[in-house]
């Protein structure tokens, strides 16, 4: 009996370890579409030639104060071709419960956010947005793929649409490593 249970567990473990990575529908960052927080459909192609920082955000999170630092980064480097794209998500302890209109108002009034914000999406699970399928897949992002751990995960996208770095929730926008990565990528 114990042997059968162990063999069954081993079979499940072996299958999960050897199964192929999940297929991602979109293979090119610039093919992805998303809706802005006001409902306009945008292709990421619009940002070709720009250095991007893609961030999943939330208004009622311990990391929400990072909006200030993100806005400072945007103000500092936007004239050099740097853009932050904010994607609100309610996936972690329901920390983004508001409507798109409420989120936009909150960001503007409390943090003076002027960088592009998009409609609330799912960054994990069965209804994961194609952008986050692309960002987290080990197929399309072998170096920095993996599940989103919490709000305010940050992906640095090169001017030619490659994922060149990733920073976790605890990494503040003014973190030396993040700022150096941005400066280095802008100069390329």
N, C-alpha and C. Protein backbone atom coordinates (compact mmCIF):
# COMPACT_ATOMS: atom_id res chain seq x y z
N UNK A 1 0.83 -1.19 0.00
CA UNK A 1 0.00 0.00 0.00
C UNK A 1 0.87 1.25 0.00
N UNK A 2 1.87 1.28 0.92
CA UNK A 2 2.76 2.45 1.00
C UNK A 2 3.53 2.61 -0.31
N UNK A 3 3.94 1.49 -0.89
CA UNK A 3 4.68 1.54 -2.15
C UNK A 3 3.81 2.11 -3.25
N UNK A 4 2.54 1.72 -3.30
CA UNK A 4 1.62 2.22 -4.33
C UNK A 4 1.42 3.72 -4.18
N UNK A 5 1.29 4.19 -2.95
CA UNK A 5 1.12 5.63 -2.70
C UNK A 5 2.37 6.39 -3.13
N UNK A 6 3.54 5.85 -2.76
CA UNK A 6 4.79 6.50 -3.15
C UNK A 6 4.97 6.52 -4.66
N UNK A 7 4.65 5.43 -5.32
CA UNK A 7 4.76 5.37 -6.78
C UNK A 7 3.79 6.37 -7.44
N UNK A 8 2.58 6.47 -6.89
CA UNK A 8 1.60 7.42 -7.41
C UNK A 8 2.09 8.85 -7.25
N UNK A 9 2.64 9.16 -6.08
CA UNK A 9 3.17 10.51 -5.83
C UNK A 9 4.34 10.79 -6.76
N UNK A 10 5.20 9.80 -6.96
CA UNK A 10 6.34 9.96 -7.85
C UNK A 10 5.88 10.19 -9.28
N UNK A 11 4.85 9.50 -9.72
CA UNK A 11 4.31 9.68 -11.06
C UNK A 11 3.78 11.09 -11.26
N UNK A 12 3.06 11.60 -10.26
CA UNK A 12 2.53 12.97 -10.34
C UNK A 12 3.68 13.97 -10.38
N UNK A 13 4.67 13.78 -9.52
CA UNK A 13 5.82 14.68 -9.46
C UNK A 13 6.59 14.64 -10.77
N UNK A 14 6.82 13.46 -11.30
CA UNK A 14 7.55 13.33 -12.55
C UNK A 14 6.79 13.99 -13.69
N UNK A 15 5.48 13.79 -13.75
CA UNK A 15 4.67 14.39 -14.81
C UNK A 15 4.70 15.90 -14.71
N UNK A 16 4.58 16.45 -13.51
CA UNK A 16 4.56 17.90 -13.38
C UNK A 16 5.92 18.50 -13.66
N UNK A 17 6.99 17.75 -13.42
CA UNK A 17 8.33 18.28 -13.67
C UNK A 17 8.73 18.17 -15.13
N UNK A 18 8.16 17.22 -15.84
CA UNK A 18 8.57 17.02 -17.22
C UNK A 18 7.58 17.58 -18.23
N UNK A 19 6.45 18.07 -17.77
CA UNK A 19 5.48 18.59 -18.73
C UNK A 19 6.01 19.87 -19.38
N UNK A 20 5.63 20.07 -20.61
CA UNK A 20 6.09 21.23 -21.36
C UNK A 20 5.52 22.51 -20.77
N UNK A 21 6.27 23.62 -20.88
CA UNK A 21 5.75 24.90 -20.40
C UNK A 21 4.46 25.25 -21.13
N UNK A 22 3.59 25.97 -20.43
CA UNK A 22 2.32 26.38 -21.00
C UNK A 22 2.55 27.22 -22.26
N UNK A 23 1.82 26.89 -23.30
CA UNK A 23 1.93 27.62 -24.57
C UNK A 23 1.35 29.02 -24.39
N UNK A 24 2.04 30.01 -24.90
CA UNK A 24 1.61 31.40 -24.82
C UNK A 24 1.15 31.83 -26.20
N UNK A 25 -0.04 32.42 -26.27
CA UNK A 25 -0.63 32.80 -27.56
C UNK A 25 0.19 33.87 -28.27
N UNK A 26 0.72 34.83 -27.52
CA UNK A 26 1.45 35.95 -28.11
C UNK A 26 2.94 35.74 -27.90
N UNK A 27 3.71 35.82 -28.98
CA UNK A 27 5.15 35.59 -28.91
C UNK A 27 5.96 36.88 -29.01
N UNK A 28 5.29 37.98 -29.33
CA UNK A 28 5.98 39.25 -29.53
C UNK A 28 5.29 40.32 -28.68
N UNK A 29 6.05 41.01 -27.86
CA UNK A 29 5.49 42.03 -26.97
C UNK A 29 4.64 43.04 -27.72
N UNK A 30 5.09 43.43 -28.89
CA UNK A 30 4.41 44.49 -29.63
C UNK A 30 3.08 44.06 -30.25
N UNK A 31 2.77 42.76 -30.23
CA UNK A 31 1.47 42.28 -30.72
C UNK A 31 0.37 42.39 -29.67
N UNK A 32 0.75 42.61 -28.42
CA UNK A 32 -0.21 42.62 -27.32
C UNK A 32 -1.05 43.89 -27.34
N UNK A 33 -2.34 43.72 -27.06
CA UNK A 33 -3.26 44.86 -26.93
C UNK A 33 -3.76 44.93 -25.50
N UNK A 34 -4.03 46.14 -25.05
CA UNK A 34 -4.62 46.36 -23.73
C UNK A 34 -5.48 47.60 -23.80
N UNK A 35 -6.42 47.71 -22.89
CA UNK A 35 -7.28 48.90 -22.84
C UNK A 35 -6.77 49.85 -21.77
N UNK A 36 -6.72 51.13 -22.13
CA UNK A 36 -6.34 52.13 -21.15
C UNK A 36 -7.40 52.21 -20.08
N UNK A 37 -7.12 52.92 -19.03
CA UNK A 37 -8.07 53.04 -17.92
C UNK A 37 -9.34 53.77 -18.35
N UNK A 38 -9.27 54.49 -19.49
CA UNK A 38 -10.45 55.17 -20.03
C UNK A 38 -11.13 54.36 -21.14
N UNK A 39 -10.63 53.14 -21.42
CA UNK A 39 -11.30 52.25 -22.35
C UNK A 39 -10.78 52.24 -23.78
N UNK A 40 -9.73 52.98 -24.07
CA UNK A 40 -9.16 53.01 -25.42
C UNK A 40 -8.25 51.79 -25.62
N UNK A 41 -8.41 51.08 -26.74
CA UNK A 41 -7.55 49.94 -27.03
C UNK A 41 -6.22 50.44 -27.58
N UNK A 42 -5.14 49.91 -27.00
CA UNK A 42 -3.79 50.31 -27.37
C UNK A 42 -2.98 49.05 -27.67
N UNK A 43 -2.22 49.09 -28.77
CA UNK A 43 -1.26 48.03 -29.06
C UNK A 43 0.07 48.44 -28.44
N UNK A 44 0.75 47.50 -27.85
CA UNK A 44 2.06 47.81 -27.26
C UNK A 44 3.04 48.30 -28.33
N UNK A 45 2.72 48.01 -29.58
CA UNK A 45 3.51 48.49 -30.71
C UNK A 45 3.67 50.02 -30.66
N UNK A 46 2.71 50.69 -30.06
CA UNK A 46 2.75 52.14 -29.92
C UNK A 46 3.99 52.59 -29.13
N UNK A 47 4.54 51.68 -28.31
CA UNK A 47 5.67 52.01 -27.46
C UNK A 47 7.01 51.54 -28.04
N UNK A 48 7.01 51.09 -29.29
CA UNK A 48 8.25 50.64 -29.93
C UNK A 48 9.27 51.78 -29.88
N UNK A 49 10.49 51.45 -29.51
CA UNK A 49 11.55 52.46 -29.41
C UNK A 49 11.61 53.14 -28.05
N UNK A 50 10.70 52.79 -27.14
CA UNK A 50 10.68 53.35 -25.78
C UNK A 50 11.14 52.28 -24.79
N UNK A 51 11.78 52.71 -23.73
CA UNK A 51 12.10 51.82 -22.62
C UNK A 51 10.89 51.82 -21.69
N UNK A 52 10.41 50.63 -21.34
CA UNK A 52 9.17 50.52 -20.56
C UNK A 52 9.39 49.84 -19.22
N UNK A 53 8.64 50.28 -18.24
CA UNK A 53 8.54 49.60 -16.96
C UNK A 53 7.07 49.25 -16.78
N UNK A 54 6.76 47.95 -16.82
CA UNK A 54 5.38 47.47 -16.68
C UNK A 54 5.19 47.05 -15.22
N UNK A 55 4.16 47.61 -14.57
CA UNK A 55 3.94 47.39 -13.14
C UNK A 55 2.49 47.02 -12.88
N UNK A 56 2.26 45.95 -12.11
CA UNK A 56 0.91 45.64 -11.65
C UNK A 56 0.68 46.40 -10.34
N UNK A 57 -0.37 47.17 -10.29
CA UNK A 57 -0.59 48.11 -9.18
C UNK A 57 -1.84 47.77 -8.38
N UNK A 58 -1.96 48.40 -7.21
CA UNK A 58 -3.15 48.28 -6.36
C UNK A 58 -3.21 49.48 -5.42
N UNK A 59 -4.41 49.95 -5.16
CA UNK A 59 -4.62 51.16 -4.37
C UNK A 59 -4.67 50.94 -2.86
N UNK A 60 -4.86 49.71 -2.43
CA UNK A 60 -5.01 49.45 -0.99
C UNK A 60 -3.99 48.42 -0.52
N UNK A 61 -2.76 48.62 -0.92
CA UNK A 61 -1.67 47.69 -0.67
C UNK A 61 -0.59 48.39 0.15
N UNK A 62 0.18 47.64 0.89
CA UNK A 62 1.29 48.20 1.63
C UNK A 62 2.34 48.83 0.73
N UNK A 63 2.33 48.49 -0.56
CA UNK A 63 3.28 49.03 -1.52
C UNK A 63 2.70 50.18 -2.34
N UNK A 64 1.46 50.57 -2.08
CA UNK A 64 0.80 51.61 -2.86
C UNK A 64 1.60 52.91 -2.89
N UNK A 65 2.32 53.21 -1.83
CA UNK A 65 3.15 54.41 -1.78
C UNK A 65 4.20 54.45 -2.88
N UNK A 66 4.46 53.31 -3.53
CA UNK A 66 5.42 53.28 -4.64
C UNK A 66 4.95 54.12 -5.83
N UNK A 67 3.66 54.46 -5.87
CA UNK A 67 3.19 55.36 -6.93
C UNK A 67 4.01 56.65 -6.95
N UNK A 68 4.36 57.18 -5.77
CA UNK A 68 5.17 58.40 -5.71
C UNK A 68 6.51 58.20 -6.42
N UNK A 69 7.20 57.12 -6.07
CA UNK A 69 8.50 56.85 -6.68
C UNK A 69 8.40 56.55 -8.16
N UNK A 70 7.35 55.85 -8.56
CA UNK A 70 7.15 55.57 -9.99
C UNK A 70 6.94 56.88 -10.76
N UNK A 71 6.14 57.78 -10.19
CA UNK A 71 5.92 59.06 -10.85
C UNK A 71 7.22 59.86 -10.94
N UNK A 72 8.04 59.82 -9.91
CA UNK A 72 9.34 60.50 -9.94
C UNK A 72 10.23 59.92 -11.03
N UNK A 73 10.27 58.59 -11.13
CA UNK A 73 11.05 57.95 -12.21
C UNK A 73 10.56 58.42 -13.57
N UNK A 74 9.26 58.42 -13.73
CA UNK A 74 8.67 58.83 -15.00
C UNK A 74 9.03 60.28 -15.32
N UNK A 75 8.88 61.15 -14.34
CA UNK A 75 9.23 62.58 -14.54
C UNK A 75 10.70 62.76 -14.90
N UNK A 76 11.56 61.97 -14.27
CA UNK A 76 13.01 62.10 -14.48
C UNK A 76 13.45 61.61 -15.86
N UNK A 77 12.87 60.51 -16.33
CA UNK A 77 13.40 59.87 -17.54
C UNK A 77 12.47 59.89 -18.75
N UNK A 78 11.28 60.42 -18.64
CA UNK A 78 10.35 60.34 -19.78
C UNK A 78 10.86 61.10 -21.01
N UNK A 79 11.59 62.18 -20.80
CA UNK A 79 12.14 62.92 -21.95
C UNK A 79 13.26 62.16 -22.64
N UNK A 80 13.70 61.07 -22.04
CA UNK A 80 14.75 60.23 -22.63
C UNK A 80 14.15 58.95 -23.23
N UNK A 81 12.82 58.91 -23.36
CA UNK A 81 12.17 57.76 -23.98
C UNK A 81 11.76 56.67 -23.01
N UNK A 82 11.52 57.00 -21.75
CA UNK A 82 11.13 56.03 -20.73
C UNK A 82 9.64 56.21 -20.40
N UNK A 83 8.92 55.10 -20.36
CA UNK A 83 7.48 55.14 -20.06
C UNK A 83 7.16 54.05 -19.04
N UNK A 84 6.35 54.41 -18.06
CA UNK A 84 5.83 53.43 -17.10
C UNK A 84 4.40 53.11 -17.51
N UNK A 85 4.07 51.83 -17.51
CA UNK A 85 2.71 51.38 -17.81
C UNK A 85 2.15 50.70 -16.57
N UNK A 86 1.11 51.29 -15.99
CA UNK A 86 0.50 50.75 -14.79
C UNK A 86 -0.72 49.90 -15.10
N UNK A 87 -0.76 48.69 -14.53
CA UNK A 87 -1.86 47.76 -14.74
C UNK A 87 -2.47 47.37 -13.40
N UNK A 88 -3.54 48.06 -12.99
CA UNK A 88 -4.20 47.71 -11.73
C UNK A 88 -4.72 46.27 -11.76
N UNK A 89 -4.61 45.62 -10.59
CA UNK A 89 -5.07 44.24 -10.47
C UNK A 89 -5.66 44.03 -9.08
N UNK A 90 -6.71 43.26 -9.03
CA UNK A 90 -7.38 42.95 -7.77
C UNK A 90 -7.09 41.50 -7.35
N UNK A 91 -5.99 40.94 -7.85
CA UNK A 91 -5.68 39.53 -7.65
C UNK A 91 -5.13 39.17 -6.27
N UNK A 92 -4.66 40.14 -5.51
CA UNK A 92 -4.01 39.86 -4.24
C UNK A 92 -4.79 40.49 -3.09
N UNK A 93 -5.52 39.67 -2.36
CA UNK A 93 -6.33 40.08 -1.21
C UNK A 93 -7.29 41.23 -1.53
N UNK A 94 -7.75 41.26 -2.78
CA UNK A 94 -8.77 42.26 -3.20
C UNK A 94 -8.31 43.69 -2.87
N UNK A 95 -7.02 43.98 -3.15
CA UNK A 95 -6.45 45.28 -2.80
C UNK A 95 -6.65 46.35 -3.87
N UNK A 96 -7.40 46.01 -4.92
CA UNK A 96 -7.77 47.00 -5.94
C UNK A 96 -9.24 46.82 -6.26
N UNK A 97 -10.13 47.16 -5.30
CA UNK A 97 -11.56 46.89 -5.47
C UNK A 97 -12.30 47.90 -6.34
N UNK A 98 -11.74 49.06 -6.60
CA UNK A 98 -12.46 50.12 -7.28
C UNK A 98 -12.67 49.89 -8.77
N UNK A 99 -13.53 50.73 -9.34
CA UNK A 99 -13.75 50.73 -10.78
C UNK A 99 -12.56 51.43 -11.44
N UNK A 100 -12.48 51.32 -12.75
CA UNK A 100 -11.41 52.01 -13.47
C UNK A 100 -11.45 53.51 -13.21
N UNK A 101 -12.63 54.08 -13.17
CA UNK A 101 -12.77 55.51 -12.91
C UNK A 101 -12.27 55.86 -11.51
N UNK A 102 -12.61 55.04 -10.52
CA UNK A 102 -12.15 55.27 -9.15
C UNK A 102 -10.64 55.13 -9.03
N UNK A 103 -10.08 54.16 -9.73
CA UNK A 103 -8.62 53.96 -9.70
C UNK A 103 -7.92 55.16 -10.32
N UNK A 104 -8.39 55.62 -11.46
CA UNK A 104 -7.78 56.77 -12.13
C UNK A 104 -7.82 58.00 -11.23
N UNK A 105 -8.95 58.23 -10.61
CA UNK A 105 -9.10 59.37 -9.71
C UNK A 105 -8.17 59.25 -8.51
N UNK A 106 -8.12 58.08 -7.90
CA UNK A 106 -7.25 57.84 -6.75
C UNK A 106 -5.79 58.12 -7.11
N UNK A 107 -5.34 57.60 -8.24
CA UNK A 107 -3.94 57.76 -8.65
C UNK A 107 -3.60 59.23 -8.91
N UNK A 108 -4.50 59.92 -9.57
CA UNK A 108 -4.28 61.34 -9.91
C UNK A 108 -4.30 62.21 -8.65
N UNK A 109 -5.33 62.05 -7.82
CA UNK A 109 -5.50 62.90 -6.64
C UNK A 109 -4.46 62.64 -5.55
N UNK A 110 -4.12 61.38 -5.32
CA UNK A 110 -3.23 61.04 -4.21
C UNK A 110 -1.75 61.01 -4.58
N UNK A 111 -1.45 60.73 -5.85
CA UNK A 111 -0.05 60.56 -6.24
C UNK A 111 0.34 61.38 -7.48
N UNK A 112 -0.59 62.10 -8.05
CA UNK A 112 -0.28 62.90 -9.23
C UNK A 112 0.18 62.09 -10.42
N UNK A 113 -0.32 60.87 -10.54
CA UNK A 113 0.12 59.97 -11.61
C UNK A 113 -0.25 60.53 -12.98
N UNK A 114 0.77 60.62 -13.83
CA UNK A 114 0.56 61.06 -15.22
C UNK A 114 1.04 60.01 -16.22
N UNK A 115 1.70 58.95 -15.73
CA UNK A 115 2.11 57.89 -16.66
C UNK A 115 0.88 57.08 -17.06
N UNK A 116 0.94 56.39 -18.21
CA UNK A 116 -0.22 55.65 -18.69
C UNK A 116 -0.70 54.57 -17.71
N UNK A 117 -1.98 54.61 -17.44
CA UNK A 117 -2.63 53.58 -16.61
C UNK A 117 -3.63 52.83 -17.49
N UNK A 118 -3.75 51.56 -17.23
CA UNK A 118 -4.62 50.69 -18.02
C UNK A 118 -5.76 50.17 -17.15
N UNK A 119 -6.75 49.57 -17.81
CA UNK A 119 -7.89 49.05 -17.06
C UNK A 119 -7.44 47.92 -16.15
N UNK A 120 -8.24 47.67 -15.13
CA UNK A 120 -7.95 46.61 -14.18
C UNK A 120 -7.98 45.26 -14.91
N UNK A 121 -6.95 44.45 -14.66
CA UNK A 121 -6.81 43.15 -15.31
C UNK A 121 -6.42 42.10 -14.28
N UNK A 122 -6.43 40.85 -14.72
CA UNK A 122 -5.89 39.76 -13.92
C UNK A 122 -4.46 39.50 -14.36
N UNK A 123 -3.56 39.40 -13.38
CA UNK A 123 -2.16 39.15 -13.69
C UNK A 123 -1.77 37.71 -13.39
N UNK A 124 -2.74 36.92 -12.94
CA UNK A 124 -2.51 35.50 -12.67
C UNK A 124 -3.83 34.75 -12.84
N UNK A 125 -3.75 33.44 -12.84
CA UNK A 125 -4.97 32.62 -12.89
C UNK A 125 -5.46 32.34 -14.30
N UNK A 126 -6.64 31.73 -14.36
CA UNK A 126 -7.21 31.30 -15.63
C UNK A 126 -7.57 32.47 -16.54
N UNK A 127 -7.87 33.63 -15.98
CA UNK A 127 -8.23 34.79 -16.79
C UNK A 127 -7.07 35.80 -16.89
N UNK A 128 -5.84 35.31 -16.74
CA UNK A 128 -4.66 36.16 -16.84
C UNK A 128 -4.62 36.88 -18.18
N UNK A 129 -4.38 38.17 -18.13
CA UNK A 129 -4.30 38.99 -19.35
C UNK A 129 -3.13 38.50 -20.22
N UNK A 130 -3.27 38.56 -21.55
CA UNK A 130 -2.18 38.12 -22.44
C UNK A 130 -0.83 38.81 -22.16
N UNK A 131 -0.86 40.06 -21.72
CA UNK A 131 0.39 40.75 -21.39
C UNK A 131 1.12 40.00 -20.29
N UNK A 132 0.39 39.61 -19.26
CA UNK A 132 1.03 38.92 -18.14
C UNK A 132 1.31 37.46 -18.44
N UNK A 133 0.59 36.87 -19.39
CA UNK A 133 0.97 35.54 -19.88
C UNK A 133 2.35 35.64 -20.52
N UNK A 134 2.54 36.67 -21.33
CA UNK A 134 3.81 36.90 -22.01
C UNK A 134 4.93 37.18 -21.01
N UNK A 135 4.67 38.07 -20.05
CA UNK A 135 5.70 38.47 -19.09
C UNK A 135 6.12 37.34 -18.15
N UNK A 136 5.19 36.48 -17.77
CA UNK A 136 5.50 35.46 -16.76
C UNK A 136 5.86 34.10 -17.34
N UNK A 137 5.64 33.89 -18.62
CA UNK A 137 5.92 32.59 -19.23
C UNK A 137 7.43 32.35 -19.34
N UNK A 138 7.85 31.16 -18.99
CA UNK A 138 9.25 30.77 -19.17
C UNK A 138 9.57 30.55 -20.66
N UNK A 139 8.54 30.43 -21.48
CA UNK A 139 8.74 30.28 -22.93
C UNK A 139 9.13 31.62 -23.53
N UNK A 140 8.37 32.67 -23.23
CA UNK A 140 8.64 33.99 -23.80
C UNK A 140 9.59 34.82 -22.94
N UNK A 141 9.79 34.41 -21.69
CA UNK A 141 10.64 35.15 -20.77
C UNK A 141 11.46 34.17 -19.93
N UNK A 142 12.41 33.46 -20.58
CA UNK A 142 13.16 32.44 -19.85
C UNK A 142 14.01 32.98 -18.70
N UNK A 143 14.49 34.20 -18.81
CA UNK A 143 15.36 34.76 -17.78
C UNK A 143 14.61 35.33 -16.58
N UNK A 144 13.42 35.90 -16.82
CA UNK A 144 12.72 36.61 -15.76
C UNK A 144 11.26 36.15 -15.59
N UNK A 145 10.89 35.04 -16.19
CA UNK A 145 9.53 34.52 -16.08
C UNK A 145 9.26 33.98 -14.69
N UNK A 146 8.03 33.64 -14.46
CA UNK A 146 7.60 33.11 -13.17
C UNK A 146 6.40 33.89 -12.69
N UNK A 147 5.64 33.29 -11.80
CA UNK A 147 4.38 33.89 -11.39
C UNK A 147 4.59 35.25 -10.71
N UNK A 148 3.54 36.05 -10.78
CA UNK A 148 3.52 37.33 -10.09
C UNK A 148 3.29 37.03 -8.61
N UNK A 149 4.18 37.51 -7.77
CA UNK A 149 4.12 37.19 -6.35
C UNK A 149 3.19 38.11 -5.57
N UNK A 150 3.03 39.35 -6.03
CA UNK A 150 2.21 40.32 -5.30
C UNK A 150 2.07 41.56 -6.16
N UNK A 151 1.41 42.55 -5.63
CA UNK A 151 1.27 43.84 -6.31
C UNK A 151 2.65 44.51 -6.44
N UNK A 152 2.78 45.33 -7.46
CA UNK A 152 3.98 46.13 -7.70
C UNK A 152 5.21 45.30 -8.09
N UNK A 153 4.99 44.20 -8.86
CA UNK A 153 6.08 43.54 -9.55
C UNK A 153 6.37 44.42 -10.77
N UNK A 154 7.65 44.50 -11.15
CA UNK A 154 8.04 45.43 -12.21
C UNK A 154 8.89 44.71 -13.26
N UNK A 155 8.52 44.89 -14.53
CA UNK A 155 9.26 44.30 -15.65
C UNK A 155 9.84 45.43 -16.49
N UNK A 156 11.14 45.38 -16.76
CA UNK A 156 11.79 46.37 -17.61
C UNK A 156 11.86 45.79 -19.03
N UNK A 157 11.27 46.53 -19.97
CA UNK A 157 11.19 46.10 -21.36
C UNK A 157 12.07 47.02 -22.21
N UNK A 158 12.98 46.42 -22.98
CA UNK A 158 13.92 47.20 -23.79
C UNK A 158 13.20 47.94 -24.92
N UNK A 159 13.93 48.82 -25.56
CA UNK A 159 13.38 49.61 -26.66
C UNK A 159 12.96 48.75 -27.85
N UNK A 160 13.47 47.49 -27.89
CA UNK A 160 13.08 46.59 -28.98
C UNK A 160 12.14 45.47 -28.50
N UNK A 161 11.52 45.66 -27.32
CA UNK A 161 10.47 44.76 -26.87
C UNK A 161 10.93 43.52 -26.13
N UNK A 162 12.18 43.47 -25.70
CA UNK A 162 12.67 42.32 -24.93
C UNK A 162 12.57 42.60 -23.44
N UNK A 163 12.28 41.57 -22.67
CA UNK A 163 12.24 41.70 -21.21
C UNK A 163 13.69 41.61 -20.74
N UNK A 164 14.17 42.69 -20.14
CA UNK A 164 15.59 42.74 -19.77
C UNK A 164 15.84 42.75 -18.27
N UNK A 165 14.79 42.89 -17.47
CA UNK A 165 14.97 42.82 -16.02
C UNK A 165 13.61 42.70 -15.35
N UNK A 166 13.66 42.30 -14.10
CA UNK A 166 12.44 42.17 -13.30
C UNK A 166 12.77 42.52 -11.86
N UNK A 167 11.86 43.23 -11.24
CA UNK A 167 12.04 43.65 -9.86
C UNK A 167 10.78 43.30 -9.07
N UNK A 168 10.97 42.81 -7.86
CA UNK A 168 9.85 42.40 -7.03
C UNK A 168 9.16 43.58 -6.35
N UNK A 169 8.13 43.25 -5.62
CA UNK A 169 7.32 44.25 -4.93
C UNK A 169 8.12 45.08 -3.94
N UNK A 170 9.05 44.46 -3.27
CA UNK A 170 9.82 45.16 -2.25
C UNK A 170 10.87 46.11 -2.83
N UNK A 171 11.15 45.97 -4.11
CA UNK A 171 12.11 46.86 -4.75
C UNK A 171 11.42 48.19 -5.03
N UNK A 172 11.87 49.22 -4.34
CA UNK A 172 11.27 50.54 -4.50
C UNK A 172 11.76 51.17 -5.80
N UNK A 173 10.97 52.06 -6.38
CA UNK A 173 11.36 52.70 -7.64
C UNK A 173 12.69 53.45 -7.59
N UNK A 174 13.10 53.91 -6.41
CA UNK A 174 14.38 54.62 -6.31
C UNK A 174 15.54 53.70 -5.92
N UNK A 175 15.30 52.38 -5.91
CA UNK A 175 16.34 51.41 -5.61
C UNK A 175 17.50 51.58 -6.59
N UNK A 176 18.71 51.55 -6.08
CA UNK A 176 19.91 51.79 -6.89
C UNK A 176 20.00 50.84 -8.10
N UNK A 177 19.71 49.55 -7.88
CA UNK A 177 19.80 48.58 -8.97
C UNK A 177 18.77 48.89 -10.07
N UNK A 178 17.57 49.29 -9.66
CA UNK A 178 16.55 49.60 -10.66
C UNK A 178 16.93 50.86 -11.44
N UNK A 179 17.36 51.88 -10.74
CA UNK A 179 17.74 53.14 -11.41
C UNK A 179 18.91 52.89 -12.35
N UNK A 180 19.90 52.12 -11.93
CA UNK A 180 21.05 51.80 -12.80
C UNK A 180 20.61 51.02 -14.02
N UNK A 181 19.68 50.08 -13.85
CA UNK A 181 19.17 49.30 -14.99
C UNK A 181 18.46 50.21 -15.98
N UNK A 182 17.67 51.15 -15.48
CA UNK A 182 16.97 52.08 -16.34
C UNK A 182 17.95 52.98 -17.09
N UNK A 183 18.90 53.57 -16.36
CA UNK A 183 19.91 54.44 -16.98
C UNK A 183 20.70 53.68 -18.05
N UNK A 184 21.10 52.46 -17.73
CA UNK A 184 21.87 51.65 -18.68
C UNK A 184 21.08 51.34 -19.94
N UNK A 185 19.81 51.03 -19.79
CA UNK A 185 18.98 50.66 -20.95
C UNK A 185 18.60 51.89 -21.77
N UNK A 186 18.47 53.03 -21.14
CA UNK A 186 18.15 54.27 -21.89
C UNK A 186 19.29 54.63 -22.81
N UNK A 187 20.51 54.41 -22.35
CA UNK A 187 21.68 54.81 -23.13
C UNK A 187 21.99 53.90 -24.31
N UNK A 188 21.26 52.77 -24.41
CA UNK A 188 21.51 51.83 -25.52
C UNK A 188 20.68 52.18 -26.73
